[in-house]
Full PDB file with SEQRES, HELIX, SHEET, SSBOND, CRYST1, ORIGX, SCALE, CONECT and MASTER records, all heavy atoms in Angstrom:
SEQRES   1 A   36  GLY LYS GLU ARG GLU LEU VAL ALA VAL PHE THR SER THR          
SEQRES   2 A   36  GLY SER ILE ASN TYR ALA ASP SER VAL LYS ASP ARG PHE          
SEQRES   3 A   36  THR ILE SER ARG VAL ASN ILE LYS ASN THR                      
HELIX    1 AA1 ASN A   32  LYS A   34  5                                   3    
SHEET    1 AA1 2 ALA A   8  PHE A  10  0                                        
SHEET    2 AA1 2 ILE A  16  TYR A  18 -1                                        
CRYST1    1.000    1.000    1.000  90.00  90.00  90.00 P 1           1          
ORIGX1      1.000000  0.000000  0.000000        0.00000                         
ORIGX2      0.000000  1.000000  0.000000        0.00000                         
ORIGX3      0.000000  0.000000  1.000000        0.00000                         
SCALE1      1.000000  0.000000  0.000000        0.00000                         
SCALE2      0.000000  1.000000  0.000000        0.00000                         
SCALE3      0.000000  0.000000  1.000000        0.00000                         
ATOM      1  N   GLY A   1      44.537 154.610 194.371  1.00  0.00           N  
ATOM      2  CA  GLY A   1      45.745 154.962 193.660  1.00  0.00           C  
ATOM      3  C   GLY A   1      45.707 154.729 192.163  1.00  0.00           C  
ATOM      4  O   GLY A   1      46.738 154.895 191.497  1.00  0.00           O  
ATOM      5  N   LYS A   2      44.558 154.346 191.627  1.00  0.00           N  
ATOM      6  CA  LYS A   2      44.438 154.050 190.205  1.00  0.00           C  
ATOM      7  C   LYS A   2      43.444 154.993 189.528  1.00  0.00           C  
ATOM      8  O   LYS A   2      42.615 155.623 190.177  1.00  0.00           O  
ATOM      9  CB  LYS A   2      43.984 152.603 189.990  1.00  0.00           C  
ATOM     10  CG  LYS A   2      44.882 151.555 190.616  1.00  0.00           C  
ATOM     11  CD  LYS A   2      46.252 151.539 189.959  1.00  0.00           C  
ATOM     12  CE  LYS A   2      47.115 150.425 190.539  1.00  0.00           C  
ATOM     13  NZ  LYS A   2      48.463 150.408 189.915  1.00  0.00           N  
ATOM     14  N   GLU A   3      43.540 155.070 188.213  1.00  0.00           N  
ATOM     15  CA  GLU A   3      42.590 155.846 187.432  1.00  0.00           C  
ATOM     16  C   GLU A   3      41.290 155.077 187.268  1.00  0.00           C  
ATOM     17  O   GLU A   3      41.264 153.846 187.313  1.00  0.00           O  
ATOM     18  CB  GLU A   3      43.173 156.180 186.060  1.00  0.00           C  
ATOM     19  CG  GLU A   3      44.426 157.036 186.101  1.00  0.00           C  
ATOM     20  CD  GLU A   3      44.166 158.411 186.662  1.00  0.00           C  
ATOM     21  OE1 GLU A   3      43.129 159.024 186.301  1.00  0.00           O  
ATOM     22  OE2 GLU A   3      44.976 158.890 187.465  1.00  0.00           O  
ATOM     23  N   ARG A   4      40.216 155.809 187.069  1.00  0.00           N  
ATOM     24  CA  ARG A   4      38.937 155.176 186.804  1.00  0.00           C  
ATOM     25  C   ARG A   4      38.992 154.451 185.454  1.00  0.00           C  
ATOM     26  O   ARG A   4      39.508 154.989 184.474  1.00  0.00           O  
ATOM     27  CB  ARG A   4      37.813 156.211 186.807  1.00  0.00           C  
ATOM     28  CG  ARG A   4      36.421 155.612 186.728  1.00  0.00           C  
ATOM     29  CD  ARG A   4      35.338 156.672 186.934  1.00  0.00           C  
ATOM     30  NE  ARG A   4      35.437 157.291 188.248  1.00  0.00           N  
ATOM     31  CZ  ARG A   4      34.552 158.148 188.747  1.00  0.00           C  
ATOM     32  NH1 ARG A   4      33.479 158.484 188.031  1.00  0.00           N  
ATOM     33  NH2 ARG A   4      34.731 158.670 189.952  1.00  0.00           N  
ATOM     34  N   GLU A   5      38.462 153.238 185.413  1.00  0.00           N  
ATOM     35  CA  GLU A   5      38.510 152.437 184.203  1.00  0.00           C  
ATOM     36  C   GLU A   5      37.145 151.861 183.862  1.00  0.00           C  
ATOM     37  O   GLU A   5      36.308 151.626 184.729  1.00  0.00           O  
ATOM     38  CB  GLU A   5      39.521 151.290 184.353  1.00  0.00           C  
ATOM     39  CG  GLU A   5      39.154 150.274 185.419  1.00  0.00           C  
ATOM     40  CD  GLU A   5      40.098 149.093 185.465  1.00  0.00           C  
ATOM     41  OE1 GLU A   5      40.909 148.929 184.527  1.00  0.00           O  
ATOM     42  OE2 GLU A   5      40.033 148.318 186.447  1.00  0.00           O  
ATOM     43  N   LEU A   6      36.956 151.622 182.582  1.00  0.00           N  
ATOM     44  CA  LEU A   6      35.739 150.983 182.109  1.00  0.00           C  
ATOM     45  C   LEU A   6      35.712 149.523 182.549  1.00  0.00           C  
ATOM     46  O   LEU A   6      36.719 148.825 182.476  1.00  0.00           O  
ATOM     47  CB  LEU A   6      35.659 151.078 180.583  1.00  0.00           C  
ATOM     48  CG  LEU A   6      34.424 150.514 179.892  1.00  0.00           C  
ATOM     49  CD1 LEU A   6      34.132 151.301 178.621  1.00  0.00           C  
ATOM     50  CD2 LEU A   6      34.607 149.035 179.538  1.00  0.00           C  
ATOM     51  N   VAL A   7      34.552 149.071 183.005  1.00  0.00           N  
ATOM     52  CA  VAL A   7      34.353 147.674 183.366  1.00  0.00           C  
ATOM     53  C   VAL A   7      33.485 146.982 182.313  1.00  0.00           C  
ATOM     54  O   VAL A   7      33.899 145.998 181.697  1.00  0.00           O  
ATOM     55  CB  VAL A   7      33.715 147.526 184.753  1.00  0.00           C  
ATOM     56  CG1 VAL A   7      33.477 146.052 185.078  1.00  0.00           C  
ATOM     57  CG2 VAL A   7      34.594 148.167 185.821  1.00  0.00           C  
ATOM     58  N   ALA A   8      32.283 147.481 182.128  1.00  0.00           N  
ATOM     59  CA  ALA A   8      31.358 146.918 181.152  1.00  0.00           C  
ATOM     60  C   ALA A   8      30.286 147.948 180.840  1.00  0.00           C  
ATOM     61  O   ALA A   8      29.739 148.562 181.752  1.00  0.00           O  
ATOM     62  CB  ALA A   8      30.711 145.637 181.683  1.00  0.00           C  
ATOM     63  N   VAL A   9      29.990 148.138 179.560  1.00  0.00           N  
ATOM     64  CA  VAL A   9      28.984 149.123 179.173  1.00  0.00           C  
ATOM     65  C   VAL A   9      28.170 148.638 177.990  1.00  0.00           C  
ATOM     66  O   VAL A   9      28.653 147.888 177.136  1.00  0.00           O  
ATOM     67  CB  VAL A   9      29.605 150.488 178.804  1.00  0.00           C  
ATOM     68  CG1 VAL A   9      30.292 151.115 180.005  1.00  0.00           C  
ATOM     69  CG2 VAL A   9      30.568 150.356 177.641  1.00  0.00           C  
ATOM     70  N   PHE A  10      26.908 149.061 177.954  1.00  0.00           N  
ATOM     71  CA  PHE A  10      26.120 149.055 176.733  1.00  0.00           C  
ATOM     72  C   PHE A  10      26.416 150.363 176.021  1.00  0.00           C  
ATOM     73  O   PHE A  10      26.172 151.442 176.559  1.00  0.00           O  
ATOM     74  CB  PHE A  10      24.632 148.949 177.041  1.00  0.00           C  
ATOM     75  CG  PHE A  10      24.187 147.606 177.524  1.00  0.00           C  
ATOM     76  CD1 PHE A  10      24.047 147.346 178.874  1.00  0.00           C  
ATOM     77  CD2 PHE A  10      23.894 146.599 176.616  1.00  0.00           C  
ATOM     78  CE1 PHE A  10      23.633 146.111 179.322  1.00  0.00           C  
ATOM     79  CE2 PHE A  10      23.479 145.352 177.053  1.00  0.00           C  
ATOM     80  CZ  PHE A  10      23.350 145.110 178.403  1.00  0.00           C  
ATOM     81  N   THR A  11      26.927 150.284 174.803  1.00  0.00           N  
ATOM     82  CA  THR A  11      27.301 151.477 174.068  1.00  0.00           C  
ATOM     83  C   THR A  11      26.087 152.107 173.402  1.00  0.00           C  
ATOM     84  O   THR A  11      25.001 151.536 173.353  1.00  0.00           O  
ATOM     85  CB  THR A  11      28.356 151.169 173.005  1.00  0.00           C  
ATOM     86  OG1 THR A  11      27.742 150.439 171.928  1.00  0.00           O  
ATOM     87  CG2 THR A  11      29.493 150.343 173.582  1.00  0.00           C  
ATOM     88  N   SER A  12      26.297 153.303 172.848  1.00  0.00           N  
ATOM     89  CA  SER A  12      25.226 154.011 172.160  1.00  0.00           C  
ATOM     90  C   SER A  12      24.756 153.291 170.904  1.00  0.00           C  
ATOM     91  O   SER A  12      23.639 153.532 170.442  1.00  0.00           O  
ATOM     92  CB  SER A  12      25.684 155.425 171.793  1.00  0.00           C  
ATOM     93  OG  SER A  12      25.980 156.178 172.952  1.00  0.00           O  
ATOM     94  N   THR A  13      25.592 152.417 170.352  1.00  0.00           N  
ATOM     95  CA  THR A  13      25.227 151.666 169.160  1.00  0.00           C  
ATOM     96  C   THR A  13      24.617 150.306 169.474  1.00  0.00           C  
ATOM     97  O   THR A  13      24.302 149.536 168.568  1.00  0.00           O  
ATOM     98  CB  THR A  13      26.445 151.466 168.245  1.00  0.00           C  
ATOM     99  OG1 THR A  13      27.474 150.779 168.960  1.00  0.00           O  
ATOM    100  CG2 THR A  13      26.979 152.811 167.772  1.00  0.00           C  
ATOM    101  N   GLY A  14      24.466 149.994 170.758  1.00  0.00           N  
ATOM    102  CA  GLY A  14      23.814 148.762 171.153  1.00  0.00           C  
ATOM    103  C   GLY A  14      24.729 147.590 171.423  1.00  0.00           C  
ATOM    104  O   GLY A  14      24.250 146.505 171.775  1.00  0.00           O  
ATOM    105  N   SER A  15      26.024 147.767 171.270  1.00  0.00           N  
ATOM    106  CA  SER A  15      26.968 146.698 171.555  1.00  0.00           C  
ATOM    107  C   SER A  15      27.373 146.722 173.026  1.00  0.00           C  
ATOM    108  O   SER A  15      27.077 147.668 173.752  1.00  0.00           O  
ATOM    109  CB  SER A  15      28.201 146.810 170.665  1.00  0.00           C  
ATOM    110  OG  SER A  15      28.904 148.011 170.931  1.00  0.00           O  
ATOM    111  N   ILE A  16      28.060 145.680 173.463  1.00  0.00           N  
ATOM    112  CA  ILE A  16      28.552 145.572 174.828  1.00  0.00           C  
ATOM    113  C   ILE A  16      30.065 145.524 174.806  1.00  0.00           C  
ATOM    114  O   ILE A  16      30.663 144.752 174.053  1.00  0.00           O  
ATOM    115  CB  ILE A  16      28.008 144.312 175.526  1.00  0.00           C  
ATOM    116  CG1 ILE A  16      26.480 144.344 175.586  1.00  0.00           C  
ATOM    117  CG2 ILE A  16      28.596 144.191 176.928  1.00  0.00           C  
ATOM    118  CD1 ILE A  16      25.862 143.078 176.137  1.00  0.00           C  
ATOM    119  N   ASN A  17      30.689 146.356 175.621  1.00  0.00           N  
ATOM    120  CA  ASN A  17      32.137 146.354 175.773  1.00  0.00           C  
ATOM    121  C   ASN A  17      32.505 145.935 177.187  1.00  0.00           C  
ATOM    122  O   ASN A  17      31.968 146.468 178.157  1.00  0.00           O  
ATOM    123  CB  ASN A  17      32.721 147.740 175.488  1.00  0.00           C  
ATOM    124  CG  ASN A  17      32.667 148.112 174.023  1.00  0.00           C  
ATOM    125  OD1 ASN A  17      32.509 147.255 173.158  1.00  0.00           O  
ATOM    126  ND2 ASN A  17      32.806 149.400 173.737  1.00  0.00           N  
ATOM    127  N   TYR A  18      33.441 144.988 177.296  1.00  0.00           N  
ATOM    128  CA  TYR A  18      33.992 144.561 178.574  1.00  0.00           C  
ATOM    129  C   TYR A  18      35.480 144.866 178.632  1.00  0.00           C  
ATOM    130  O   TYR A  18      36.190 144.764 177.626  1.00  0.00           O  
ATOM    131  CB  TYR A  18      33.836 143.057 178.781  1.00  0.00           C  
ATOM    132  CG  TYR A  18      32.433 142.556 179.004  1.00  0.00           C  
ATOM    133  CD1 TYR A  18      31.694 142.006 177.971  1.00  0.00           C  
ATOM    134  CD2 TYR A  18      31.855 142.606 180.272  1.00  0.00           C  
ATOM    135  CE1 TYR A  18      30.416 141.524 178.181  1.00  0.00           C  
ATOM    136  CE2 TYR A  18      30.574 142.128 180.489  1.00  0.00           C  
ATOM    137  CZ  TYR A  18      29.852 141.586 179.437  1.00  0.00           C  
ATOM    138  OH  TYR A  18      28.580 141.107 179.653  1.00  0.00           O  
ATOM    139  N   ALA A  19      35.957 145.202 179.830  1.00  0.00           N  
ATOM    140  CA  ALA A  19      37.394 145.232 180.044  1.00  0.00           C  
ATOM    141  C   ALA A  19      37.942 143.818 179.930  1.00  0.00           C  
ATOM    142  O   ALA A  19      37.287 142.848 180.335  1.00  0.00           O  
ATOM    143  CB  ALA A  19      37.715 145.809 181.421  1.00  0.00           C  
ATOM    144  N   ASP A  20      39.145 143.679 179.369  1.00  0.00           N  
ATOM    145  CA  ASP A  20      39.737 142.355 179.209  1.00  0.00           C  
ATOM    146  C   ASP A  20      39.859 141.615 180.539  1.00  0.00           C  
ATOM    147  O   ASP A  20      39.718 140.385 180.588  1.00  0.00           O  
ATOM    148  CB  ASP A  20      41.119 142.467 178.560  1.00  0.00           C  
ATOM    149  CG  ASP A  20      41.058 142.841 177.095  1.00  0.00           C  
ATOM    150  OD1 ASP A  20      39.981 142.691 176.480  1.00  0.00           O  
ATOM    151  OD2 ASP A  20      42.090 143.282 176.557  1.00  0.00           O  
ATOM    152  N   SER A  21      40.103 142.340 181.610  1.00  0.00           N  
ATOM    153  CA  SER A  21      40.315 141.728 182.906  1.00  0.00           C  
ATOM    154  C   SER A  21      39.058 141.110 183.514  1.00  0.00           C  
ATOM    155  O   SER A  21      39.152 140.323 184.459  1.00  0.00           O  
ATOM    156  CB  SER A  21      40.900 142.752 183.883  1.00  0.00           C  
ATOM    157  OG  SER A  21      40.023 143.847 184.042  1.00  0.00           O  
ATOM    158  N   VAL A  22      37.884 141.445 182.982  1.00  0.00           N  
ATOM    159  CA  VAL A  22      36.631 140.947 183.557  1.00  0.00           C  
ATOM    160  C   VAL A  22      35.774 140.187 182.564  1.00  0.00           C  
ATOM    161  O   VAL A  22      34.741 139.623 182.952  1.00  0.00           O  
ATOM    162  CB  VAL A  22      35.803 142.092 184.166  1.00  0.00           C  
ATOM    163  CG1 VAL A  22      36.638 142.930 185.118  1.00  0.00           C  
ATOM    164  CG2 VAL A  22      35.181 142.968 183.080  1.00  0.00           C  
ATOM    165  N   LYS A  23      36.164 140.115 181.315  1.00  0.00           N  
ATOM    166  CA  LYS A  23      35.302 139.615 180.244  1.00  0.00           C  
ATOM    167  C   LYS A  23      34.769 138.205 180.500  1.00  0.00           C  
ATOM    168  O   LYS A  23      33.622 137.896 180.177  1.00  0.00           O  
ATOM    169  CB  LYS A  23      36.048 139.656 178.908  1.00  0.00           C  
ATOM    170  CG  LYS A  23      35.182 139.294 177.711  1.00  0.00           C  
ATOM    171  CD  LYS A  23      35.944 139.445 176.413  1.00  0.00           C  
ATOM    172  CE  LYS A  23      35.079 139.098 175.213  1.00  0.00           C  
ATOM    173  NZ  LYS A  23      33.943 140.047 175.075  1.00  0.00           N  
ATOM    174  N   ASP A  24      35.574 137.333 181.065  1.00  0.00           N  
ATOM    175  CA  ASP A  24      35.179 135.944 181.291  1.00  0.00           C  
ATOM    176  C   ASP A  24      34.510 135.721 182.640  1.00  0.00           C  
ATOM    177  O   ASP A  24      34.095 134.601 182.947  1.00  0.00           O  
ATOM    178  CB  ASP A  24      36.399 135.020 181.184  1.00  0.00           C  
ATOM    179  CG  ASP A  24      37.001 135.013 179.795  1.00  0.00           C  
ATOM    180  OD1 ASP A  24      36.258 135.167 178.812  1.00  0.00           O  
ATOM    181  OD2 ASP A  24      38.237 134.845 179.697  1.00  0.00           O  
ATOM    182  N   ARG A  25      34.375 136.780 183.435  1.00  0.00           N  
ATOM    183  CA  ARG A  25      33.860 136.630 184.787  1.00  0.00           C  
ATOM    184  C   ARG A  25      32.637 137.488 185.082  1.00  0.00           C  
ATOM    185  O   ARG A  25      31.826 137.118 185.942  1.00  0.00           O  
ATOM    186  CB  ARG A  25      34.955 136.975 185.808  1.00  0.00           C  
ATOM    187  CG  ARG A  25      36.189 136.082 185.698  1.00  0.00           C  
ATOM    188  CD  ARG A  25      37.226 136.444 186.761  1.00  0.00           C  
ATOM    189  NE  ARG A  25      37.780 137.777 186.555  1.00  0.00           N  
ATOM    190  CZ  ARG A  25      37.686 138.775 187.432  1.00  0.00           C  
ATOM    191  NH1 ARG A  25      37.069 138.594 188.595  1.00  0.00           N  
ATOM    192  NH2 ARG A  25      38.233 139.955 187.161  1.00  0.00           N  
ATOM    193  N   PHE A  26      32.508 138.629 184.408  1.00  0.00           N  
ATOM    194  CA  PHE A  26      31.418 139.566 184.672  1.00  0.00           C  
ATOM    195  C   PHE A  26      30.431 139.558 183.518  1.00  0.00           C  
ATOM    196  O   PHE A  26      30.808 139.356 182.358  1.00  0.00           O  
ATOM    197  CB  PHE A  26      31.941 140.993 184.842  1.00  0.00           C  
ATOM    198  CG  PHE A  26      32.786 141.236 186.068  1.00  0.00           C  
ATOM    199  CD1 PHE A  26      33.195 140.215 186.893  1.00  0.00           C  
ATOM    200  CD2 PHE A  26      33.168 142.538 186.376  1.00  0.00           C  
ATOM    201  CE1 PHE A  26      33.975 140.454 188.007  1.00  0.00           C  
ATOM    202  CE2 PHE A  26      33.945 142.794 187.490  1.00  0.00           C  
ATOM    203  CZ  PHE A  26      34.352 141.753 188.309  1.00  0.00           C  
ATOM    204  N   THR A  27      29.164 139.817 183.832  1.00  0.00           N  
ATOM    205  CA  THR A  27      28.127 139.921 182.824  1.00  0.00           C  
ATOM    206  C   THR A  27      27.264 141.142 183.098  1.00  0.00           C  
ATOM    207  O   THR A  27      26.745 141.294 184.204  1.00  0.00           O  
ATOM    208  CB  THR A  27      27.240 138.669 182.789  1.00  0.00           C  
ATOM    209  OG1 THR A  27      28.037 137.506 182.556  1.00  0.00           O  
ATOM    210  CG2 THR A  27      26.199 138.786 181.676  1.00  0.00           C  
ATOM    211  N   ILE A  28      27.121 141.992 182.088  1.00  0.00           N  
ATOM    212  CA  ILE A  28      26.252 143.151 182.216  1.00  0.00           C  
ATOM    213  C   ILE A  28      24.903 142.840 181.570  1.00  0.00           C  
ATOM    214  O   ILE A  28      24.834 142.175 180.536  1.00  0.00           O  
ATOM    215  CB  ILE A  28      26.888 144.407 181.591  1.00  0.00           C  
ATOM    216  CG1 ILE A  28      26.055 145.654 181.908  1.00  0.00           C  
ATOM    217  CG2 ILE A  28      27.098 144.244 180.094  1.00  0.00           C  
ATOM    218  CD1 ILE A  28      26.726 146.958 181.504  1.00  0.00           C  
ATOM    219  N   SER A  29      23.833 143.305 182.181  1.00  0.00           N  
ATOM    220  CA  SER A  29      22.498 143.132 181.637  1.00  0.00           C  
ATOM    221  C   SER A  29      21.685 144.383 181.936  1.00  0.00           C  
ATOM    222  O   SER A  29      22.095 145.226 182.738  1.00  0.00           O  
ATOM    223  CB  SER A  29      21.819 141.881 182.199  1.00  0.00           C  
ATOM    224  OG  SER A  29      21.687 141.968 183.605  1.00  0.00           O  
ATOM    225  N   ARG A  30      20.528 144.494 181.310  1.00  0.00           N  
ATOM    226  CA  ARG A  30      19.711 145.679 181.533  1.00  0.00           C  
ATOM    227  C   ARG A  30      18.235 145.404 181.322  1.00  0.00           C  
ATOM    228  O   ARG A  30      17.851 144.457 180.626  1.00  0.00           O  
ATOM    229  CB  ARG A  30      20.151 146.826 180.622  1.00  0.00           C  
ATOM    230  CG  ARG A  30      19.921 146.581 179.128  1.00  0.00           C  
ATOM    231  CD  ARG A  30      20.399 147.772 178.329  1.00  0.00           C  
ATOM    232  NE  ARG A  30      20.360 147.517 176.892  1.00  0.00           N  
ATOM    233  CZ  ARG A  30      20.809 148.344 175.969  1.00  0.00           C  
ATOM    234  NH1 ARG A  30      21.357 149.505 176.330  1.00  0.00           N  
ATOM    235  NH2 ARG A  30      20.730 148.033 174.692  1.00  0.00           N  
ATOM    236  N   VAL A  31      17.422 146.232 181.952  1.00  0.00           N  
ATOM    237  CA  VAL A  31      15.986 146.268 181.726  1.00  0.00           C  
ATOM    238  C   VAL A  31      15.681 147.688 181.290  1.00  0.00           C  
ATOM    239  O   VAL A  31      15.565 148.595 182.114  1.00  0.00           O  
ATOM    240  CB  VAL A  31      15.192 145.889 182.977  1.00  0.00           C  
ATOM    241  CG1 VAL A  31      13.699 145.926 182.676  1.00  0.00           C  
ATOM    242  CG2 VAL A  31      15.609 144.519 183.473  1.00  0.00           C  
ATOM    243  N   ASN A  32      15.540 147.899 179.996  1.00  0.00           N  
ATOM    244  CA  ASN A  32      15.423 149.245 179.449  1.00  0.00           C  
ATOM    245  C   ASN A  32      14.203 149.991 179.975  1.00  0.00           C  
ATOM    246  O   ASN A  32      14.275 151.190 180.243  1.00  0.00           O  
ATOM    247  CB  ASN A  32      15.381 149.204 177.925  1.00  0.00           C  
ATOM    248  CG  ASN A  32      16.708 148.871 177.309  1.00  0.00           C  
ATOM    249  OD1 ASN A  32      17.754 148.984 177.944  1.00  0.00           O  
ATOM    250  ND2 ASN A  32      16.686 148.477 176.038  1.00  0.00           N  
ATOM    251  N   ILE A  33      13.085 149.289 180.105  1.00  0.00           N  
ATOM    252  CA  ILE A  33      11.859 149.942 180.519  1.00  0.00           C  
ATOM    253  C   ILE A  33      11.955 150.471 181.949  1.00  0.00           C  
ATOM    254  O   ILE A  33      11.217 151.380 182.329  1.00  0.00           O  
ATOM    255  CB  ILE A  33      10.656 148.986 180.361  1.00  0.00           C  
ATOM    256  CG1 ILE A  33       9.343 149.764 180.389  1.00  0.00           C  
ATOM    257  CG2 ILE A  33      10.677 147.913 181.432  1.00  0.00           C  
ATOM    258  CD1 ILE A  33       8.139 148.924 180.026  1.00  0.00           C  
ATOM    259  N   LYS A  34      12.875 149.932 182.718  1.00  0.00           N  
ATOM    260  CA  LYS A  34      13.085 150.375 184.097  1.00  0.00           C  
ATOM    261  C   LYS A  34      14.327 151.250 184.244  1.00  0.00           C  
ATOM    262  O   LYS A  34      14.658 151.662 185.358  1.00  0.00           O  
ATOM    263  CB  LYS A  34      13.199 149.167 185.026  1.00  0.00           C  
ATOM    264  CG  LYS A  34      11.947 148.311 185.061  1.00  0.00           C  
ATOM    265  CD  LYS A  34      12.137 147.063 185.912  1.00  0.00           C  
ATOM    266  CE  LYS A  34      12.309 147.400 187.372  1.00  0.00           C  
ATOM    267  NZ  LYS A  34      12.385 146.181 188.224  1.00  0.00           N  
ATOM    268  N   ASN A  35      15.012 151.531 183.129  1.00  0.00           N  
ATOM    269  CA  ASN A  35      16.254 152.313 183.154  1.00  0.00           C  
ATOM    270  C   ASN A  35      17.232 151.761 184.185  1.00  0.00           C  
ATOM    271  O   ASN A  35      17.796 152.504 184.993  1.00  0.00           O  
ATOM    272  CB  ASN A  35      15.949 153.786 183.431  1.00  0.00           C  
ATOM    273  CG  ASN A  35      15.183 154.446 182.306  1.00  0.00           C  
ATOM    274  OD1 ASN A  35      15.377 154.116 181.134  1.00  0.00           O  
ATOM    275  ND2 ASN A  35      14.323 155.390 182.644  1.00  0.00           N  
ATOM    276  N   THR A  36      17.429 150.464 184.138  1.00  0.00           N  
ATOM    277  CA  THR A  36      18.230 149.771 185.126  1.00  0.00           C  
ATOM    278  C   THR A  36      19.261 148.877 184.447  1.00  0.00           C  
ATOM    279  O   THR A  36      18.963 148.224 183.442  1.00  0.00           O  
ATOM    280  CB  THR A  36      17.347 148.913 186.046  1.00  0.00           C  
ATOM    281  OG1 THR A  36      16.403 149.759 186.719  1.00  0.00           O  
ATOM    282  CG2 THR A  36      18.180 148.183 187.082  1.00  0.00           C  
TER     283      THR A  36                                                      
MASTER        0    0    0    1    2    0    0    6  282    1    0    3          
END                                                                             
């Protein structure tokens, strides 16, 4: 019943954006060489 919302992303400029509701609880990470 809700719209799709951003949770956490690596942006095109290299920064990380978190939704306020998850910022203190979720962590995004990546391995670029594995596209993961």
